[in-house]
Amino acid sequence: MVTMYTEDPRLPSSTPSLDKNEQLDWLVEPVPDTLTSSQTKLVYLYLSIRRGGTVEELRDALGMKTITLYPVLDHLVGLGLVHRDDDRYVLQAA
């Protein structure tokens, strides 16, 4: 049996319109070569785009379980790519 990909209905159906100044905020940090797991890359990209987030925000936005997020975030912190600021996780400044 072949499973077909179906678009997640929670995703927006169109690209948001941005003015020239807002487009600069969409710059995303390149994913470091040290990240090999798809979950770790996904969390890193989310934090890069959103400029940080809480475990609850990550869970809701990415559909990942909380029990999965903590080891991923700990790994990113251990690599020095992310730091914890109270309840938020933020990319380390380059």
Protein backbone atom coordinates (compact mmCIF):
# COMPACT_ATOMS: atom_id res chain seq x y z
CA MET A 1 0.00 0.00 0.00
CA VAL A 2 1.37 3.41 -0.99
CA THR A 3 0.70 6.35 1.30
CA MET A 4 0.19 9.61 -0.55
CA TYR A 5 1.34 12.90 0.91
CA THR A 6 -1.48 15.20 1.92
CA GLU A 7 -0.98 18.85 2.81
CA ASP A 8 -1.54 19.68 6.46
CA PRO A 9 -4.81 21.66 6.58
CA ARG A 10 -3.38 23.82 9.39
CA LEU A 11 -0.86 25.35 6.98
CA PRO A 12 -1.77 28.64 5.34
CA SER A 13 -2.95 28.24 1.76
CA SER A 14 -1.01 31.22 0.47
CA THR A 15 2.24 33.00 1.12
CA PRO A 16 1.79 36.03 3.38
CA SER A 17 2.32 39.35 1.66
CA LEU A 18 5.18 41.39 3.07
CA ASP A 19 6.51 44.83 2.41
CA LYS A 20 10.22 45.35 1.68
CA ASN A 21 11.14 46.02 5.33
CA GLU A 22 9.36 42.92 6.62
CA GLN A 23 11.08 40.67 4.09
CA LEU A 24 14.39 41.27 5.83
CA ASP A 25 12.99 39.51 8.90
CA TRP A 26 12.62 36.31 6.86
CA LEU A 27 16.36 35.71 6.65
CA VAL A 28 17.01 32.27 8.10
CA GLU A 29 20.27 31.05 9.56
CA PRO A 30 21.75 28.18 7.53
CA VAL A 31 21.37 24.81 9.22
CA PRO A 32 24.73 23.78 10.71
CA ASP A 33 26.30 20.63 9.29
CA THR A 34 26.50 19.20 12.83
CA LEU A 35 22.71 18.75 12.87
CA THR A 36 21.86 15.38 11.39
CA SER A 37 18.42 14.53 12.76
CA SER A 38 15.38 15.89 10.95
CA GLN A 39 13.75 16.79 14.28
CA THR A 40 16.77 18.81 15.38
CA LYS A 41 16.91 20.61 12.03
CA LEU A 42 13.19 21.38 12.23
CA VAL A 43 13.46 22.85 15.73
CA TYR A 44 16.55 24.85 14.71
CA LEU A 45 14.77 26.28 11.67
CA TYR A 46 11.70 27.17 13.72
CA LEU A 47 13.84 29.01 16.26
CA SER A 48 15.71 30.73 13.44
CA ILE A 49 12.54 31.95 11.76
CA ARG A 50 10.63 32.87 14.92
CA ARG A 51 13.72 34.20 16.73
CA GLY A 52 12.96 31.93 19.67
CA GLY A 53 10.13 30.06 21.29
CA THR A 54 8.85 28.18 24.30
CA VAL A 55 8.41 24.42 24.47
CA GLU A 56 4.65 24.96 24.22
CA GLU A 57 5.02 27.11 21.09
CA LEU A 58 7.31 24.54 19.49
CA ARG A 59 4.95 21.70 20.41
CA ASP A 60 1.91 23.45 18.97
CA ALA A 61 3.61 24.76 15.82
CA LEU A 62 5.60 21.64 14.93
CA GLY A 63 3.26 18.94 16.20
CA MET A 64 6.06 17.35 18.22
CA LYS A 65 5.56 15.81 21.64
CA THR A 66 6.96 17.65 24.64
CA ILE A 67 8.90 14.55 25.66
CA THR A 68 10.63 14.67 22.26
CA LEU A 69 11.35 18.40 22.33
CA TYR A 70 13.33 18.50 25.57
CA PRO A 71 16.18 16.21 24.39
CA VAL A 72 16.30 18.05 21.04
CA LEU A 73 16.54 21.42 22.78
CA ASP A 74 19.12 20.08 25.26
CA HIS A 75 21.20 18.86 22.30
CA LEU A 76 21.02 22.28 20.61
CA VAL A 77 22.00 23.96 23.89
CA GLY A 78 24.88 21.49 24.34
CA LEU A 79 26.17 22.32 20.86
CA GLY A 80 26.13 26.02 21.76
CA LEU A 81 23.61 26.83 19.01
CA VAL A 82 20.74 27.73 21.33
CA HIS A 83 20.50 29.19 24.82
CA ARG A 84 17.69 29.18 27.30
CA ASP A 85 16.28 32.51 28.46
CA ASP A 86 13.77 31.73 31.24
CA ASP A 87 11.13 29.60 29.46
CA ARG A 88 12.23 30.58 25.92
CA TYR A 89 14.84 28.99 23.72
CA VAL A 90 16.75 31.42 21.49
CA LEU A 91 19.47 30.97 18.87
CA GLN A 92 22.92 31.96 20.08
CA ALA A 93 24.18 35.17 18.54
CA ALA A 94 26.80 34.46 15.90
